[in-house]
Protein backbone atom coordinates (compact mmCIF):
# COMPACT_ATOMS: atom_id res chain seq x y z
CA UNK A 1 20.08 101.76 4.78
CA UNK A 2 20.46 105.14 2.99
CA UNK A 3 17.92 107.74 3.72
CA UNK A 4 17.21 106.65 7.40
CA UNK A 5 17.41 109.44 9.92
CA UNK A 6 18.79 108.58 13.40
CA UNK A 7 17.62 110.43 16.47
CA UNK A 8 19.61 113.60 16.89
CA UNK A 9 19.54 113.72 20.72
CA UNK A 10 19.17 111.50 23.75
CA UNK A 11 15.62 112.72 24.29
CA UNK A 12 14.66 112.12 20.67
CA UNK A 13 16.39 108.71 20.82
CA UNK A 14 14.29 107.87 23.87
CA UNK A 15 11.14 108.50 21.87
CA UNK A 16 12.17 105.92 19.33
CA UNK A 17 13.14 103.22 21.90
CA UNK A 18 10.86 100.31 22.12
CA UNK A 19 9.20 99.86 25.59
CA UNK A 20 7.20 96.89 26.77
CA UNK A 21 3.57 97.84 27.35
CA UNK A 22 0.74 95.34 27.30
CA UNK A 23 -1.35 92.52 25.75
CA UNK A 24 1.28 90.25 24.16
CA UNK A 25 2.62 87.57 26.48
CA UNK A 26 6.36 87.06 26.91
CA UNK A 27 7.72 83.50 26.91
CA UNK A 28 9.46 82.25 30.02
CA UNK A 29 13.16 82.85 30.03
CA UNK A 30 14.98 79.75 31.36
CA UNK A 31 12.07 79.09 33.67
CA UNK A 32 12.98 82.13 35.86
CA UNK A 33 9.77 84.01 35.21
CA UNK A 34 7.42 81.23 36.33
CA UNK A 35 7.01 82.56 39.91
CA UNK A 36 6.61 86.24 39.06
CA UNK A 37 3.57 88.05 40.50
CA UNK A 38 2.64 89.40 37.04
CA UNK A 39 3.61 88.42 33.43
CA UNK A 40 5.81 90.57 31.29
CA UNK A 41 4.21 91.78 28.12
CA UNK A 42 5.13 93.24 24.73
CA UNK A 43 2.61 95.53 23.13
CA UNK A 44 1.26 94.94 19.64
CA UNK A 45 2.29 98.43 18.54
CA UNK A 46 5.86 97.67 19.55
CA UNK A 47 5.93 94.55 17.38
CA UNK A 48 4.56 96.58 14.45
CA UNK A 49 7.23 99.19 14.95
CA UNK A 50 9.91 96.54 14.68
CA UNK A 51 8.43 95.16 11.51
CA UNK A 52 8.36 98.61 9.93
CA UNK A 53 12.02 99.43 10.64
CA UNK A 54 13.94 99.43 7.35
CA UNK A 55 17.42 99.97 8.75
CA UNK A 56 18.92 96.68 10.11
CA UNK A 57 21.37 98.57 12.29
CA UNK A 58 18.68 100.59 13.86
CA UNK A 59 16.56 97.41 14.21
CA UNK A 60 19.38 95.77 16.20
CA UNK A 61 19.61 98.99 18.23
CA UNK A 62 15.94 98.75 19.07
CA UNK A 63 16.19 95.06 19.90
CA UNK A 64 19.20 95.64 22.12
CA UNK A 65 17.35 98.19 24.25
CA UNK A 66 14.20 96.07 24.21
CA UNK A 67 16.18 93.17 25.57
CA UNK A 68 17.80 95.41 28.14
CA UNK A 69 14.44 96.70 29.22
CA UNK A 70 13.07 93.17 29.51
CA UNK A 71 16.05 92.10 31.66
CA UNK A 72 15.64 95.06 33.91
CA UNK A 73 11.91 94.50 34.29
CA UNK A 74 12.54 90.80 34.97
CA UNK A 75 15.08 91.63 37.70
CA UNK A 76 12.73 94.24 39.19
CA UNK A 77 9.78 91.89 39.35
CA UNK A 78 11.97 88.99 40.60
CA UNK A 79 13.19 91.29 43.38
CA UNK A 80 9.61 92.27 44.23
CA UNK A 81 8.71 88.59 44.35
CA UNK A 82 11.62 87.82 46.66
CA UNK A 83 10.64 90.75 48.90
CA UNK A 84 7.10 89.38 49.10
CA UNK A 85 8.42 85.98 50.09
CA UNK A 86 10.77 87.48 52.68
CA UNK A 87 7.93 89.58 54.10
CA UNK A 88 5.63 86.52 54.29
CA UNK A 89 8.45 84.53 56.02
CA UNK A 90 9.02 87.44 58.43
CA UNK A 91 5.29 87.65 59.26
CA UNK A 92 5.16 83.95 59.93
CA UNK A 93 8.23 84.18 62.21
CA UNK A 94 6.76 87.09 64.05
CA UNK A 95 3.52 85.10 64.53
CA UNK A 96 5.45 82.13 65.96
CA UNK A 97 7.46 84.44 68.29
CA UNK A 98 4.31 86.19 69.50
CA UNK A 99 2.70 82.79 70.26
CA UNK A 100 5.84 81.70 72.16
CA UNK A 101 5.86 85.05 74.01
CA UNK A 102 2.24 84.58 74.97
CA UNK A 103 2.92 81.05 76.28
CA UNK A 104 5.89 82.35 78.24
CA UNK A 105 3.74 85.06 79.89
CA UNK A 106 1.10 82.48 80.68
CA UNK A 107 3.69 80.20 82.26
CA UNK A 108 5.20 83.07 84.24
CA UNK A 109 1.76 84.06 85.51
CA UNK A 110 1.04 80.49 86.61
CA UNK A 111 4.43 80.23 88.37
CA UNK A 112 3.82 83.58 90.13
CA UNK A 113 0.38 82.44 91.29
CA UNK A 114 1.80 79.16 92.53
CA UNK A 115 4.58 80.98 94.33
CA UNK A 116 2.10 83.40 95.93
CA UNK A 117 -0.04 80.47 97.13
CA UNK A 118 3.08 78.72 98.44
CA UNK A 119 4.18 81.87 100.35
CA UNK A 120 0.68 82.28 101.86
CA UNK A 121 0.63 78.60 102.82
CA UNK A 122 4.06 78.79 104.35
CA UNK A 123 3.15 81.96 106.30
CA UNK A 124 0.01 80.24 107.62
CA UNK A 125 1.99 77.14 108.46
CA UNK A 126 4.68 79.12 110.29
CA UNK A 127 2.00 81.03 112.20
CA UNK A 128 0.24 77.83 113.30
CA UNK A 129 3.56 76.22 114.18
CA UNK A 130 4.62 79.27 116.22
CA UNK A 131 1.31 79.34 118.10
CA UNK A 132 1.46 75.59 118.79
CA UNK A 133 5.05 75.65 119.90
CA UNK A 134 4.47 78.58 122.21
CA UNK A 135 1.43 76.88 123.59
CA UNK A 136 3.45 73.68 124.20
CA UNK A 137 6.27 75.62 125.81
CA UNK A 138 3.83 77.38 128.07
CA UNK A 139 2.17 74.05 128.91
CA UNK A 140 5.55 72.53 129.76
CA UNK A 141 6.41 75.48 131.95
CA UNK A 142 3.04 75.24 133.72
CA UNK A 143 3.25 71.50 134.17
CA UNK A 144 6.83 71.72 135.41
CA UNK A 145 5.91 74.46 137.88
CA UNK A 146 2.84 72.49 139.14
CA UNK A 147 4.86 69.26 139.36
CA UNK A 148 7.69 71.01 141.24
CA UNK A 149 5.20 72.65 143.60
CA UNK A 150 3.55 69.29 144.31
CA UNK A 151 6.96 67.70 144.79
CA UNK A 152 7.73 70.29 147.44
CA UNK A 153 4.40 69.72 149.15
CA UNK A 154 5.15 65.97 149.17
CA UNK A 155 8.49 66.53 150.79
CA UNK A 156 6.94 68.79 153.45
CA UNK A 157 4.20 66.18 154.01
CA UNK A 158 6.78 63.38 154.34
CA UNK A 159 8.97 65.36 156.76
CA UNK A 160 6.10 66.55 158.90
CA UNK A 161 3.78 63.55 158.66
CA UNK A 162 0.86 65.85 158.13
CA UNK A 163 -1.66 65.27 155.34
CA UNK A 164 -2.29 68.30 153.17
CA UNK A 165 -6.01 68.89 152.55
CA UNK A 166 -6.99 68.75 148.88
CA UNK A 167 -3.86 66.81 147.79
CA UNK A 168 -4.70 63.57 146.03
CA UNK A 169 -2.70 60.40 146.35
CA UNK A 170 -1.48 60.61 142.80
CA UNK A 171 -0.35 64.18 143.31
CA UNK A 172 1.42 63.33 146.48
CA UNK A 173 3.13 60.19 145.13
CA UNK A 174 6.79 59.84 144.14
CA UNK A 175 5.89 59.57 140.47
CA UNK A 176 7.83 62.09 138.47
CA UNK A 177 7.66 62.98 134.68
CA UNK A 178 9.51 60.46 132.56
CA UNK A 179 11.81 63.05 131.09
CA UNK A 180 12.87 64.69 134.37
CA UNK A 181 15.44 63.84 137.06
CA UNK A 182 13.51 63.48 140.37
CA UNK A 183 16.63 63.43 142.55
CA UNK A 184 17.94 66.64 141.07
CA UNK A 185 14.56 68.37 141.53
CA UNK A 186 14.38 67.13 145.05
CA UNK A 187 17.84 68.44 145.89
CA UNK A 188 16.84 71.83 144.51
CA UNK A 189 13.73 71.84 146.62
CA UNK A 190 15.72 70.84 149.65
CA UNK A 191 17.97 73.82 149.20
CA UNK A 192 14.91 76.06 148.72
CA UNK A 193 13.21 74.88 151.92
CA UNK A 194 16.56 74.58 153.76
CA UNK A 195 15.75 71.03 154.86
CA UNK A 196 19.20 70.02 156.12
CA UNK A 197 18.35 67.48 158.84
CA UNK A 198 15.77 64.66 159.29
CA UNK A 199 14.72 65.86 162.78
CA UNK A 200 13.75 69.39 161.60
CA UNK A 201 10.09 70.12 162.25
CA UNK A 202 7.94 71.99 159.74
CA UNK A 203 4.64 73.46 161.03
CA UNK A 204 1.65 73.29 158.73
CA UNK A 205 -1.18 75.60 159.65
């Protein structure tokens, strides 16, 4: 309409633009604003300004920028809402990962403790086994030496016909250990004592 003065500059134009402020609720736009953290509002003074505009062209100008502002604010708040949702999902994921990490550390600790106990048990078992085997080897050596010595005494007693004092009948018998070759031992003792003939005399003091 004639007589309306348009803003002369961008700054002056900005003063005449309509901005959303407070108190008046904005209807949902296609259901997209339902999940926003806060509602968008149009102030009462903004509505009154629109009603007082006499120039239709300028009114459309105001409405255009009002709509643009609402769209930008909607996109901003929708983005903020999405960021909050992403942050909440991230925190939940971190919580799950921390719980899994804690369970993993607990399992590793239990496995390490079990392995330590196993190593200690194996070391003790190896020590006992080594002691027992050495003792058994020594026993076998001692028994073999004693049995060989008694076998030699028996041979001397048989060749000389003299009874050795302190030698029992079982010790002087022909019994030999079940896992030994009596003939072989006897041959070795014969070589040791150089008993080559049956008529050789051995003196026993």
